[in-house]
Amino acid sequence: MNVHLLRPRVRDLVFQLYARPLHPELFDILALRKIQREDYELTIRITRTGHVISWSNRHLHLTEVAAGDQPLAEHRRLLHYRLRGERCDRVSPGFGISYQTSFQVEVLPPEIFLHVHDEILADGGKRGLLHNFQPHHRLALAPLGFVTAETRAGCLFLSAFHTFPDEFAIIKTQSLIEKKS
């Protein structure tokens, strides 16, 4: 089995933010968690190619996508970047909400990659949403998808890690959704 049927190449991934919901049927969802709070709802989906995170309150809906470069409509798309190197951005979509994000693609030496991969696996067993892919053969290192959500008064902090063992690459994303005072 070709591993790229499981995970695309890192160069084929994009990061996008929409000010609207996207149909879950557009994505190959492997793990799901919903979090309901008094003033918002959060849905975290780990997909075959990355993640889709949806946040909504009574006025606004944001959808963050870090996934394969599949054709998605541009309607109400706020951000669109190829996942390369490092990038930070910020938008204010309205209703007193601020969204900030940063992502990094890191290619590591094999021994360091293995250590970081094991740390993500151990951390994912304790908190957050973790998906451990099936390896393409029994001795192969399986890709991981791991997302955590931390809440504080007036803000939500999201971290995601996606490993690509064939390329010794790790994609890290961090996003902050804040209610401005």
N, C-alpha and C. Protein backbone atom coordinates (compact mmCIF):
# COMPACT_ATOMS: atom_id res chain seq x y z
N MET A 1 0.84 -1.18 0.00
CA MET A 1 0.00 0.00 0.00
C MET A 1 0.89 1.24 0.00
N ASN A 2 0.58 2.18 -0.80
CA ASN A 2 1.32 3.43 -0.88
C ASN A 2 0.93 4.31 0.29
N VAL A 3 1.92 4.78 1.07
CA VAL A 3 1.64 5.61 2.24
C VAL A 3 0.97 6.92 1.86
N HIS A 4 1.15 7.40 0.65
CA HIS A 4 0.54 8.66 0.25
C HIS A 4 -0.96 8.54 0.08
N LEU A 5 -1.47 7.29 0.07
CA LEU A 5 -2.92 7.13 0.14
C LEU A 5 -3.40 7.50 1.55
N LEU A 6 -2.51 7.35 2.54
CA LEU A 6 -2.84 7.74 3.91
C LEU A 6 -2.62 9.23 4.12
N ARG A 7 -1.45 9.69 3.80
CA ARG A 7 -1.07 11.07 4.04
C ARG A 7 -0.45 11.64 2.77
N PRO A 8 -0.86 12.84 2.38
CA PRO A 8 -0.22 13.47 1.22
C PRO A 8 1.17 13.98 1.60
N ARG A 9 1.89 14.43 0.65
CA ARG A 9 3.17 15.09 0.90
C ARG A 9 2.90 16.41 1.61
N VAL A 10 3.81 16.84 2.45
CA VAL A 10 3.65 18.10 3.18
C VAL A 10 3.51 19.26 2.19
N ARG A 11 4.22 19.22 1.09
CA ARG A 11 4.15 20.31 0.11
C ARG A 11 2.75 20.49 -0.49
N ASP A 12 1.89 19.47 -0.32
CA ASP A 12 0.54 19.53 -0.88
C ASP A 12 -0.51 20.00 0.13
N LEU A 13 -0.08 20.50 1.28
CA LEU A 13 -1.02 20.91 2.33
C LEU A 13 -1.21 22.42 2.36
N VAL A 14 -2.40 22.83 2.80
CA VAL A 14 -2.73 24.25 2.93
C VAL A 14 -3.38 24.51 4.28
N PHE A 15 -3.29 25.76 4.71
CA PHE A 15 -3.94 26.24 5.92
C PHE A 15 -4.95 27.29 5.48
N GLN A 16 -6.21 27.13 5.93
CA GLN A 16 -7.25 28.07 5.54
C GLN A 16 -8.14 28.38 6.74
N LEU A 17 -8.73 29.57 6.72
CA LEU A 17 -9.70 29.96 7.72
C LEU A 17 -10.92 30.52 7.00
N TYR A 18 -12.08 30.04 7.39
CA TYR A 18 -13.35 30.48 6.82
C TYR A 18 -14.23 31.09 7.90
N ALA A 19 -15.02 32.07 7.52
CA ALA A 19 -16.02 32.66 8.42
C ALA A 19 -17.37 32.04 8.11
N ARG A 20 -17.40 30.72 8.08
CA ARG A 20 -18.63 29.97 7.81
C ARG A 20 -18.35 28.50 8.07
N PRO A 21 -19.40 27.71 8.25
CA PRO A 21 -19.18 26.26 8.38
C PRO A 21 -18.84 25.64 7.03
N LEU A 22 -18.11 24.54 7.08
CA LEU A 22 -17.85 23.72 5.90
C LEU A 22 -18.48 22.36 6.14
N HIS A 23 -19.00 21.76 5.10
CA HIS A 23 -19.67 20.46 5.25
C HIS A 23 -18.65 19.39 5.66
N PRO A 24 -18.92 18.66 6.74
CA PRO A 24 -18.00 17.60 7.17
C PRO A 24 -17.78 16.53 6.10
N GLU A 25 -18.76 16.36 5.20
CA GLU A 25 -18.64 15.34 4.15
C GLU A 25 -17.49 15.64 3.19
N LEU A 26 -16.98 16.87 3.22
CA LEU A 26 -15.87 17.23 2.35
C LEU A 26 -14.54 16.62 2.82
N PHE A 27 -14.53 16.09 4.05
CA PHE A 27 -13.28 15.63 4.66
C PHE A 27 -13.40 14.18 5.10
N ASP A 28 -12.29 13.49 5.06
CA ASP A 28 -12.20 12.11 5.54
C ASP A 28 -11.89 12.17 7.04
N ILE A 29 -12.93 12.17 7.88
CA ILE A 29 -12.79 12.38 9.32
C ILE A 29 -12.45 11.06 10.01
N LEU A 30 -11.36 11.10 10.80
CA LEU A 30 -10.87 9.91 11.50
C LEU A 30 -11.11 9.97 13.00
N ALA A 31 -11.19 11.16 13.58
CA ALA A 31 -11.45 11.32 15.01
C ALA A 31 -12.21 12.63 15.20
N LEU A 32 -13.08 12.66 16.21
CA LEU A 32 -13.95 13.81 16.42
C LEU A 32 -14.16 14.05 17.90
N ARG A 33 -14.17 15.31 18.30
CA ARG A 33 -14.52 15.68 19.66
C ARG A 33 -15.27 16.99 19.62
N LYS A 34 -16.37 17.06 20.39
CA LYS A 34 -17.15 18.30 20.51
C LYS A 34 -17.05 18.80 21.93
N ILE A 35 -16.91 20.12 22.06
CA ILE A 35 -16.84 20.77 23.36
C ILE A 35 -17.89 21.88 23.37
N GLN A 36 -18.76 21.84 24.33
CA GLN A 36 -19.81 22.84 24.46
C GLN A 36 -19.51 23.70 25.69
N ARG A 37 -19.45 24.99 25.50
CA ARG A 37 -19.28 25.93 26.59
C ARG A 37 -20.48 26.85 26.61
N GLU A 38 -20.57 27.65 27.64
CA GLU A 38 -21.72 28.55 27.79
C GLU A 38 -21.87 29.50 26.60
N ASP A 39 -20.73 30.00 26.10
CA ASP A 39 -20.79 31.02 25.06
C ASP A 39 -20.27 30.58 23.68
N TYR A 40 -19.89 29.31 23.51
CA TYR A 40 -19.48 28.85 22.19
C TYR A 40 -19.51 27.32 22.14
N GLU A 41 -19.41 26.81 20.90
CA GLU A 41 -19.28 25.38 20.66
C GLU A 41 -18.05 25.16 19.80
N LEU A 42 -17.30 24.11 20.11
CA LEU A 42 -16.08 23.78 19.39
C LEU A 42 -16.17 22.34 18.90
N THR A 43 -15.85 22.12 17.63
CA THR A 43 -15.78 20.77 17.08
C THR A 43 -14.40 20.59 16.47
N ILE A 44 -13.70 19.56 16.96
CA ILE A 44 -12.36 19.25 16.48
C ILE A 44 -12.45 17.95 15.68
N ARG A 45 -11.96 18.00 14.46
CA ARG A 45 -11.93 16.82 13.61
C ARG A 45 -10.50 16.59 13.13
N ILE A 46 -9.98 15.40 13.36
CA ILE A 46 -8.71 15.01 12.75
C ILE A 46 -9.06 14.28 11.47
N THR A 47 -8.43 14.71 10.39
CA THR A 47 -8.71 14.14 9.08
C THR A 47 -7.49 13.36 8.60
N ARG A 48 -7.66 12.68 7.51
CA ARG A 48 -6.56 11.93 6.91
C ARG A 48 -5.39 12.84 6.57
N THR A 49 -5.66 14.10 6.24
CA THR A 49 -4.61 15.00 5.80
C THR A 49 -4.25 16.09 6.81
N GLY A 50 -4.95 16.17 7.95
CA GLY A 50 -4.66 17.23 8.92
C GLY A 50 -5.81 17.38 9.91
N HIS A 51 -6.41 18.59 9.94
CA HIS A 51 -7.53 18.82 10.85
C HIS A 51 -8.50 19.85 10.30
N VAL A 52 -9.71 19.80 10.85
CA VAL A 52 -10.74 20.80 10.61
C VAL A 52 -11.31 21.14 11.98
N ILE A 53 -11.20 22.41 12.37
CA ILE A 53 -11.68 22.86 13.67
C ILE A 53 -12.74 23.92 13.43
N SER A 54 -13.91 23.69 14.03
CA SER A 54 -15.02 24.63 13.88
C SER A 54 -15.35 25.24 15.25
N TRP A 55 -15.45 26.56 15.29
CA TRP A 55 -15.81 27.30 16.49
C TRP A 55 -17.00 28.17 16.14
N SER A 56 -18.00 28.17 17.00
CA SER A 56 -19.15 29.04 16.72
C SER A 56 -19.76 29.55 18.02
N ASN A 57 -20.24 30.78 17.94
CA ASN A 57 -21.08 31.33 18.99
C ASN A 57 -22.37 31.79 18.32
N ARG A 58 -23.20 32.53 18.99
CA ARG A 58 -24.50 32.89 18.40
C ARG A 58 -24.39 33.89 17.25
N HIS A 59 -23.21 34.52 17.07
CA HIS A 59 -23.04 35.53 16.02
C HIS A 59 -22.11 35.12 14.88
N LEU A 60 -21.20 34.20 15.15
CA LEU A 60 -20.10 33.97 14.22
C LEU A 60 -19.73 32.50 14.17
N HIS A 61 -19.26 32.07 13.01
CA HIS A 61 -18.75 30.71 12.84
C HIS A 61 -17.39 30.80 12.16
N LEU A 62 -16.37 30.17 12.75
CA LEU A 62 -15.04 30.10 12.15
C LEU A 62 -14.68 28.65 11.92
N THR A 63 -14.07 28.36 10.78
CA THR A 63 -13.61 27.01 10.46
C THR A 63 -12.16 27.09 10.01
N GLU A 64 -11.29 26.44 10.79
CA GLU A 64 -9.87 26.36 10.47
C GLU A 64 -9.61 25.01 9.81
N VAL A 65 -8.92 25.04 8.68
CA VAL A 65 -8.61 23.82 7.94
C VAL A 65 -7.10 23.78 7.70
N ALA A 66 -6.48 22.71 8.18
CA ALA A 66 -5.08 22.43 7.84
C ALA A 66 -5.13 21.05 7.22
N ALA A 67 -5.11 20.99 5.90
CA ALA A 67 -5.38 19.72 5.23
C ALA A 67 -4.83 19.74 3.81
N GLY A 68 -5.12 18.67 3.08
CA GLY A 68 -4.72 18.57 1.69
C GLY A 68 -5.34 19.68 0.86
N ASP A 69 -4.70 20.00 -0.21
CA ASP A 69 -5.14 21.09 -1.08
C ASP A 69 -6.26 20.60 -1.99
N GLN A 70 -7.44 20.46 -1.40
CA GLN A 70 -8.60 20.08 -2.19
C GLN A 70 -9.38 21.34 -2.53
N PRO A 71 -10.10 21.33 -3.62
CA PRO A 71 -10.83 22.54 -4.00
C PRO A 71 -11.95 22.82 -3.01
N LEU A 72 -11.86 23.96 -2.34
CA LEU A 72 -12.92 24.45 -1.46
C LEU A 72 -13.32 25.83 -1.96
N ALA A 73 -14.57 26.15 -1.80
CA ALA A 73 -15.06 27.45 -2.27
C ALA A 73 -14.32 28.58 -1.55
N GLU A 74 -14.16 29.69 -2.24
CA GLU A 74 -13.49 30.84 -1.66
C GLU A 74 -14.44 31.73 -0.88
N HIS A 75 -15.73 31.44 -0.95
CA HIS A 75 -16.75 32.26 -0.28
C HIS A 75 -16.45 32.37 1.22
N ARG A 76 -16.25 33.59 1.70
CA ARG A 76 -15.98 33.92 3.11
C ARG A 76 -14.71 33.26 3.64
N ARG A 77 -13.75 33.04 2.75
CA ARG A 77 -12.44 32.56 3.17
C ARG A 77 -11.63 33.76 3.64
N LEU A 78 -11.11 33.69 4.86
CA LEU A 78 -10.36 34.79 5.44
C LEU A 78 -8.85 34.64 5.29
N LEU A 79 -8.36 33.39 5.32
CA LEU A 79 -6.93 33.13 5.18
C LEU A 79 -6.71 31.93 4.27
N HIS A 80 -5.61 31.95 3.54
CA HIS A 80 -5.23 30.82 2.69
C HIS A 80 -3.72 30.84 2.50
N TYR A 81 -3.04 29.82 3.01
CA TYR A 81 -1.59 29.72 2.88
C TYR A 81 -1.20 28.28 2.58
N ARG A 82 -0.19 28.11 1.77
CA ARG A 82 0.46 26.81 1.65
C ARG A 82 1.23 26.60 2.94
N LEU A 83 1.23 25.37 3.44
CA LEU A 83 1.98 25.07 4.66
C LEU A 83 3.46 24.92 4.30
N ARG A 84 4.18 26.01 4.49
CA ARG A 84 5.62 26.08 4.19
C ARG A 84 6.27 26.92 5.28
N GLY A 85 7.40 26.50 5.79
CA GLY A 85 8.16 27.30 6.74
C GLY A 85 7.34 27.71 7.94
N GLU A 86 7.41 29.01 8.27
CA GLU A 86 6.66 29.55 9.40
C GLU A 86 5.82 30.73 8.93
N ARG A 87 4.67 30.89 9.56
CA ARG A 87 3.81 32.02 9.22
C ARG A 87 2.93 32.34 10.41
N CYS A 88 2.65 33.62 10.59
CA CYS A 88 1.71 34.11 11.60
C CYS A 88 0.74 35.06 10.92
N ASP A 89 -0.49 35.08 11.42
CA ASP A 89 -1.47 36.02 10.88
C ASP A 89 -2.53 36.27 11.94
N ARG A 90 -3.33 37.30 11.68
CA ARG A 90 -4.39 37.69 12.60
C ARG A 90 -5.52 38.30 11.79
N VAL A 91 -6.75 37.99 12.18
CA VAL A 91 -7.92 38.61 11.57
C VAL A 91 -8.92 38.94 12.67
N SER A 92 -9.74 39.95 12.39
CA SER A 92 -10.85 40.31 13.27
C SER A 92 -12.12 40.13 12.46
N PRO A 93 -12.75 38.96 12.55
CA PRO A 93 -13.91 38.68 11.70
C PRO A 93 -15.19 39.40 12.13
N GLY A 94 -15.15 40.11 13.23
CA GLY A 94 -16.32 40.87 13.68
C GLY A 94 -16.87 40.36 15.00
N PHE A 95 -17.90 41.03 15.46
CA PHE A 95 -18.62 40.66 16.69
C PHE A 95 -17.70 40.58 17.90
N GLY A 96 -16.63 41.40 17.92
CA GLY A 96 -15.72 41.45 19.05
C GLY A 96 -14.79 40.25 19.18
N ILE A 97 -14.64 39.49 18.11
CA ILE A 97 -13.79 38.30 18.12
C ILE A 97 -12.49 38.58 17.37
N SER A 98 -11.38 38.13 17.96
CA SER A 98 -10.07 38.21 17.31
C SER A 98 -9.55 36.79 17.14
N TYR A 99 -8.96 36.50 15.99
CA TYR A 99 -8.39 35.19 15.68
C TYR A 99 -6.93 35.41 15.30
N GLN A 100 -6.04 34.68 15.97
CA GLN A 100 -4.61 34.72 15.65
C GLN A 100 -4.14 33.30 15.40
N THR A 101 -3.22 33.15 14.48
CA THR A 101 -2.69 31.81 14.20
C THR A 101 -1.21 31.89 13.85
N SER A 102 -0.54 30.80 14.09
CA SER A 102 0.83 30.62 13.60
C SER A 102 0.99 29.15 13.27
N PHE A 103 1.76 28.88 12.24
CA PHE A 103 2.07 27.49 11.92
C PHE A 103 3.52 27.39 11.52
N GLN A 104 4.02 26.18 11.66
CA GLN A 104 5.42 25.90 11.36
C GLN A 104 5.52 24.50 10.79
N VAL A 105 6.27 24.36 9.71
CA VAL A 105 6.60 23.05 9.16
C VAL A 105 8.07 22.82 9.49
N GLU A 106 8.33 21.74 10.20
CA GLU A 106 9.69 21.46 10.64
C GLU A 106 10.11 20.09 10.14
N VAL A 107 11.23 20.03 9.44
CA VAL A 107 11.82 18.76 9.00
C VAL A 107 13.01 18.51 9.91
N LEU A 108 13.01 17.33 10.55
CA LEU A 108 13.99 17.02 11.59
C LEU A 108 14.89 15.86 11.18
N PRO A 109 16.06 15.78 11.78
CA PRO A 109 16.88 14.56 11.60
C PRO A 109 16.08 13.37 12.13
N PRO A 110 16.27 12.18 11.55
CA PRO A 110 15.45 11.02 11.93
C PRO A 110 15.40 10.72 13.43
N GLU A 111 16.53 10.79 14.12
CA GLU A 111 16.52 10.44 15.54
C GLU A 111 15.75 11.48 16.38
N ILE A 112 15.83 12.74 16.01
CA ILE A 112 15.08 13.78 16.73
C ILE A 112 13.60 13.66 16.38
N PHE A 113 13.30 13.38 15.11
CA PHE A 113 11.90 13.18 14.72
C PHE A 113 11.27 12.06 15.54
N LEU A 114 11.97 10.95 15.68
CA LEU A 114 11.45 9.82 16.44
C LEU A 114 11.18 10.20 17.90
N HIS A 115 12.08 10.97 18.50
CA HIS A 115 11.90 11.42 19.88
C HIS A 115 10.66 12.32 20.00
N VAL A 116 10.54 13.30 19.12
CA VAL A 116 9.38 14.21 19.15
C VAL A 116 8.09 13.45 18.89
N HIS A 117 8.13 12.53 17.94
CA HIS A 117 6.96 11.70 17.62
C HIS A 117 6.51 10.93 18.87
N ASP A 118 7.46 10.33 19.59
CA ASP A 118 7.13 9.59 20.81
C ASP A 118 6.56 10.51 21.90
N GLU A 119 7.08 11.74 22.00
CA GLU A 119 6.55 12.70 22.97
C GLU A 119 5.10 13.07 22.65
N ILE A 120 4.82 13.28 21.37
CA ILE A 120 3.45 13.60 20.96
C ILE A 120 2.52 12.43 21.28
N LEU A 121 2.97 11.23 20.99
CA LEU A 121 2.17 10.03 21.28
C LEU A 121 1.89 9.90 22.78
N ALA A 122 2.89 10.13 23.62
CA ALA A 122 2.71 10.04 25.07
C ALA A 122 1.77 11.14 25.58
N ASP A 123 1.95 12.36 25.08
CA ASP A 123 1.10 13.47 25.50
C ASP A 123 -0.34 13.26 25.05
N GLY A 124 -0.50 12.73 23.84
CA GLY A 124 -1.83 12.48 23.30
C GLY A 124 -2.60 11.43 24.08
N GLY A 125 -1.89 10.55 24.77
CA GLY A 125 -2.56 9.56 25.60
C GLY A 125 -3.13 10.15 26.87
N LYS A 126 -2.70 11.37 27.23
CA LYS A 126 -3.14 12.00 28.48
C LYS A 126 -4.18 13.09 28.29
N ARG A 127 -4.17 13.74 27.13
CA ARG A 127 -5.07 14.88 26.93
C ARG A 127 -5.29 15.10 25.44
N GLY A 128 -6.28 15.89 25.13
CA GLY A 128 -6.54 16.25 23.76
C GLY A 128 -7.14 15.12 22.94
N LEU A 129 -7.14 15.31 21.65
CA LEU A 129 -7.66 14.33 20.69
C LEU A 129 -6.49 13.83 19.85
N LEU A 130 -6.26 12.52 19.90
CA LEU A 130 -5.14 11.90 19.20
C LEU A 130 -5.66 10.85 18.23
N HIS A 131 -5.10 10.84 17.02
CA HIS A 131 -5.35 9.75 16.09
C HIS A 131 -4.01 9.19 15.66
N ASN A 132 -3.84 7.89 15.89
CA ASN A 132 -2.62 7.19 15.49
C ASN A 132 -2.98 6.37 14.25
N PHE A 133 -2.47 6.78 13.10
CA PHE A 133 -2.76 6.10 11.84
C PHE A 133 -2.20 4.69 11.86
N GLN A 134 -2.74 3.86 11.01
CA GLN A 134 -2.19 2.52 10.84
C GLN A 134 -0.97 2.61 9.93
N PRO A 135 0.14 2.00 10.32
CA PRO A 135 1.31 2.05 9.43
C PRO A 135 1.05 1.23 8.17
N HIS A 136 1.78 1.55 7.10
CA HIS A 136 1.59 0.83 5.84
C HIS A 136 2.26 -0.54 5.86
N HIS A 137 3.14 -0.79 6.82
CA HIS A 137 3.63 -2.15 7.10
C HIS A 137 4.03 -2.20 8.57
N ARG A 138 4.16 -3.37 9.12
CA ARG A 138 4.26 -3.54 10.57
C ARG A 138 5.47 -2.90 11.22
N LEU A 139 6.52 -2.63 10.48
CA LEU A 139 7.70 -2.00 11.05
C LEU A 139 7.76 -0.49 10.82
N ALA A 140 6.79 0.03 10.10
CA ALA A 140 6.79 1.46 9.79
C ALA A 140 6.28 2.28 10.97
N LEU A 141 6.73 3.50 11.05
CA LEU A 141 6.25 4.45 12.04
C LEU A 141 4.96 5.06 11.51
N ALA A 142 3.90 5.00 12.31
CA ALA A 142 2.59 5.50 11.87
C ALA A 142 2.50 7.01 12.07
N PRO A 143 1.90 7.73 11.13
CA PRO A 143 1.66 9.16 11.31
C PRO A 143 0.72 9.39 12.49
N LEU A 144 0.82 10.59 13.08
CA LEU A 144 -0.04 10.99 14.18
C LEU A 144 -0.75 12.30 13.83
N GLY A 145 -1.95 12.47 14.38
CA GLY A 145 -2.65 13.74 14.40
C GLY A 145 -3.06 13.99 15.83
N PHE A 146 -2.75 15.17 16.38
CA PHE A 146 -3.01 15.46 17.79
C PHE A 146 -3.45 16.92 17.91
N VAL A 147 -4.59 17.16 18.57
CA VAL A 147 -5.11 18.51 18.75
C VAL A 147 -5.52 18.68 20.21
N THR A 148 -5.13 19.81 20.81
CA THR A 148 -5.56 20.15 22.16
C THR A 148 -6.28 21.49 22.14
N ALA A 149 -7.18 21.66 23.09
CA ALA A 149 -7.92 22.92 23.26
C ALA A 149 -7.84 23.30 24.73
N GLU A 150 -7.37 24.51 25.00
CA GLU A 150 -7.30 25.03 26.36
C GLU A 150 -8.13 26.29 26.43
N THR A 151 -8.97 26.36 27.46
CA THR A 151 -9.85 27.51 27.60
C THR A 151 -9.43 28.35 28.80
N ARG A 152 -9.56 29.62 28.64
CA ARG A 152 -9.38 30.61 29.69
C ARG A 152 -10.55 31.58 29.55
N ALA A 153 -10.72 32.42 30.53
CA ALA A 153 -11.80 33.41 30.46
C ALA A 153 -11.63 34.27 29.21
N GLY A 154 -12.60 34.21 28.32
CA GLY A 154 -12.60 35.04 27.12
C GLY A 154 -11.70 34.58 26.00
N CYS A 155 -11.05 33.40 26.13
CA CYS A 155 -10.20 32.96 25.02
C CYS A 155 -10.10 31.44 24.96
N LEU A 156 -9.75 30.99 23.78
CA LEU A 156 -9.56 29.57 23.49
C LEU A 156 -8.23 29.43 22.76
N PHE A 157 -7.37 28.53 23.25
CA PHE A 157 -6.07 28.30 22.65
C PHE A 157 -6.04 26.88 22.09
N LEU A 158 -5.76 26.75 20.80
CA LEU A 158 -5.73 25.46 20.10
C LEU A 158 -4.31 25.16 19.63
N SER A 159 -3.88 23.93 19.85
CA SER A 159 -2.58 23.47 19.34
C SER A 159 -2.80 22.18 18.57
N ALA A 160 -2.14 22.05 17.43
CA ALA A 160 -2.24 20.82 16.64
C ALA A 160 -0.85 20.41 16.18
N PHE A 161 -0.65 19.10 16.16
CA PHE A 161 0.61 18.51 15.67
C PHE A 161 0.24 17.39 14.72
N HIS A 162 0.86 17.38 13.56
CA HIS A 162 0.65 16.31 12.57
C HIS A 162 2.03 15.83 12.13
N THR A 163 2.25 14.52 12.23
CA THR A 163 3.55 13.98 11.85
C THR A 163 3.48 13.30 10.49
N PHE A 164 4.57 13.40 9.77
CA PHE A 164 4.72 12.81 8.44
C PHE A 164 6.04 12.02 8.44
N PRO A 165 6.01 10.78 8.94
CA PRO A 165 7.24 10.00 9.13
C PRO A 165 8.07 9.80 7.86
N ASP A 166 7.44 9.65 6.72
CA ASP A 166 8.22 9.43 5.49
C ASP A 166 9.09 10.62 5.12
N GLU A 167 8.68 11.82 5.61
CA GLU A 167 9.44 13.03 5.31
C GLU A 167 10.15 13.57 6.56
N PHE A 168 10.01 12.88 7.69
CA PHE A 168 10.55 13.35 8.98
C PHE A 168 10.09 14.77 9.26
N ALA A 169 8.82 15.05 8.93
CA ALA A 169 8.27 16.40 9.06
C ALA A 169 7.16 16.42 10.12
N ILE A 170 7.09 17.55 10.80
CA ILE A 170 6.03 17.79 11.77
C ILE A 170 5.42 19.15 11.45
N ILE A 171 4.11 19.18 11.37
CA ILE A 171 3.39 20.44 11.20
C ILE A 171 2.81 20.80 12.55
N LYS A 172 3.11 22.03 13.00
CA LYS A 172 2.59 22.54 14.26
C LYS A 172 1.74 23.76 13.95
N THR A 173 0.55 23.79 14.50
CA THR A 173 -0.28 24.99 14.37
C THR A 173 -0.74 25.41 15.76
N GLN A 174 -0.86 26.71 15.95
CA GLN A 174 -1.40 27.28 17.18
C GLN A 174 -2.36 28.37 16.77
N SER A 175 -3.54 28.36 17.41
CA SER A 175 -4.54 29.36 17.11
C SER A 175 -5.14 29.87 18.42
N LEU A 176 -5.47 31.15 18.43
CA LEU A 176 -6.06 31.79 19.59
C LEU A 176 -7.31 32.51 19.14
N ILE A 177 -8.43 32.19 19.77
CA ILE A 177 -9.68 32.89 19.50
C ILE A 177 -10.02 33.65 20.78
N GLU A 178 -10.11 34.98 20.68
CA GLU A 178 -10.35 35.81 21.85
C GLU A 178 -11.58 36.68 21.67
N LYS A 179 -12.26 36.88 22.75
CA LYS A 179 -13.36 37.85 22.80
C LYS A 179 -12.78 39.14 23.32
N LYS A 180 -12.82 40.18 22.50
CA LYS A 180 -12.25 41.46 22.90
C LYS A 180 -13.16 42.11 23.94
N SER A 181 -12.52 42.75 24.92
CA SER A 181 -13.30 43.42 25.97
C SER A 181 -13.65 44.83 25.56
